[in-house]
Amino acid sequence: MFVRQKKNKSGVVSVQVIDKSSGKYKVIKTLGSSSSISRVEMLVKEGEHWIKSQLGQAEIDLSGTQDAFDKFISNIQQVTVAGTELLLGKISMR
């Protein structure tokens, strides 16, 4: 599902939630329409929130992961590249 902004002949933008899982576009929900850019942006955010609530997808909080990543990287003491040796070590030259 995704949020679509479709401009009408009158110049008003309609905001809709669209599903294309069966190969065809299907309007699931019409959120509203407006000629105001700020109102259209608000409707788009509302649509994205509606999709998340319908799909039941949880968001992962990745704040603070940079510190954990830096700590992990600082603990690496040695890097050994053994892939080519493992791959080519079995090939003998005659």
Protein backbone atom coordinates (compact mmCIF):
# COMPACT_ATOMS: atom_id res chain seq x y z
CA MET A 1 0.00 0.00 0.00
CA PHE A 2 1.07 3.55 -0.61
CA VAL A 3 -0.30 7.09 -0.48
CA ARG A 4 -1.12 8.68 -3.84
CA GLN A 5 -1.61 12.37 -4.59
CA LYS A 6 -3.74 12.80 -7.69
CA LYS A 7 -4.43 16.19 -9.23
CA ASN A 8 -8.01 16.60 -10.42
CA LYS A 9 -9.22 18.65 -13.40
CA SER A 10 -10.31 21.39 -11.00
CA GLY A 11 -6.75 21.74 -9.68
CA VAL A 12 -7.55 20.16 -6.33
CA VAL A 13 -5.25 17.36 -5.15
CA SER A 14 -6.91 14.18 -3.86
CA VAL A 15 -5.00 12.03 -1.36
CA GLN A 16 -5.77 8.31 -1.45
CA VAL A 17 -4.40 5.07 0.00
CA ILE A 18 -3.77 2.69 -2.90
CA ASP A 19 -3.17 -1.07 -2.95
CA LYS A 20 -1.50 -2.79 -5.89
CA SER A 21 -1.00 -6.27 -4.45
CA SER A 22 -3.17 -7.98 -7.08
CA GLY A 23 -1.56 -6.21 -10.05
CA LYS A 24 -4.23 -3.54 -10.36
CA TYR A 25 -4.50 -0.23 -8.55
CA LYS A 26 -7.31 -0.30 -6.00
CA VAL A 27 -8.38 2.69 -3.91
CA ILE A 28 -8.56 1.48 -0.31
CA LYS A 29 -9.34 4.79 1.35
CA THR A 30 -9.79 8.39 0.25
CA LEU A 31 -8.39 10.71 2.89
CA GLY A 32 -9.57 13.97 1.39
CA SER A 33 -8.66 16.66 -1.09
CA SER A 34 -7.41 20.21 -0.97
CA SER A 35 -5.77 22.92 -3.02
CA SER A 36 -3.59 23.93 -0.06
CA ILE A 37 -0.11 22.37 -0.07
CA SER A 38 0.08 22.25 3.72
CA ARG A 39 -3.30 20.47 3.95
CA VAL A 40 -2.21 17.95 1.29
CA GLU A 41 1.01 17.25 3.23
CA MET A 42 -1.05 16.71 6.39
CA LEU A 43 -3.32 14.27 4.54
CA VAL A 44 -0.28 12.37 3.22
CA LYS A 45 1.10 12.00 6.75
CA GLU A 46 -2.33 10.86 7.93
CA GLY A 47 -2.38 8.27 5.13
CA GLU A 48 1.08 6.97 6.02
CA HIS A 49 0.00 6.65 9.65
CA TRP A 50 -3.19 4.82 8.58
CA ILE A 51 -1.16 2.35 6.49
CA LYS A 52 1.17 1.61 9.41
CA SER A 53 -1.76 1.02 11.74
CA GLN A 54 -3.49 -1.29 9.23
CA LEU A 55 -0.42 -3.34 8.39
CA GLY A 56 0.63 -3.70 12.01
CA GLN A 57 4.26 -2.97 11.26
CA ALA A 58 6.36 -2.05 14.24
CA GLU A 59 9.06 0.55 13.97
CA ILE A 60 12.49 -0.19 15.35
CA ASP A 61 14.04 2.55 17.44
CA LEU A 62 17.60 2.95 16.17
CA SER A 63 18.49 5.97 18.27
CA GLY A 64 21.69 5.40 20.23
CA THR A 65 22.95 2.70 17.87
CA GLN A 66 25.90 4.81 16.73
CA ASP A 67 27.50 4.52 20.19
CA ALA A 68 27.05 0.74 20.20
CA PHE A 69 28.48 0.54 16.67
CA ASP A 70 31.51 2.67 17.60
CA LYS A 71 32.15 0.51 20.67
CA PHE A 72 31.92 -2.66 18.58
CA ILE A 73 34.32 -1.31 15.95
CA SER A 74 36.83 -0.16 18.57
CA ASN A 75 36.99 -3.71 20.01
CA ILE A 76 38.15 -5.24 16.71
CA GLN A 77 41.85 -6.00 17.07
CA GLN A 78 42.70 -7.94 13.92
CA VAL A 79 41.16 -8.55 10.51
CA THR A 80 42.23 -11.57 8.49
CA VAL A 81 41.25 -12.00 4.87
CA ALA A 82 41.15 -15.72 4.23
CA GLY A 83 38.49 -15.96 1.53
CA THR A 84 40.79 -16.07 -1.47
CA GLU A 85 43.18 -18.47 0.28
CA LEU A 86 40.30 -20.81 1.11
CA LEU A 87 39.00 -20.63 -2.44
CA LEU A 88 42.30 -20.81 -4.34
CA GLY A 89 44.27 -22.92 -1.85
CA LYS A 90 42.79 -26.11 -3.27
CA ILE A 91 43.94 -25.30 -6.81
CA SER A 92 47.43 -26.67 -7.38
CA MET A 93 49.75 -25.58 -10.14
CA ARG A 94 51.29 -28.44 -12.17
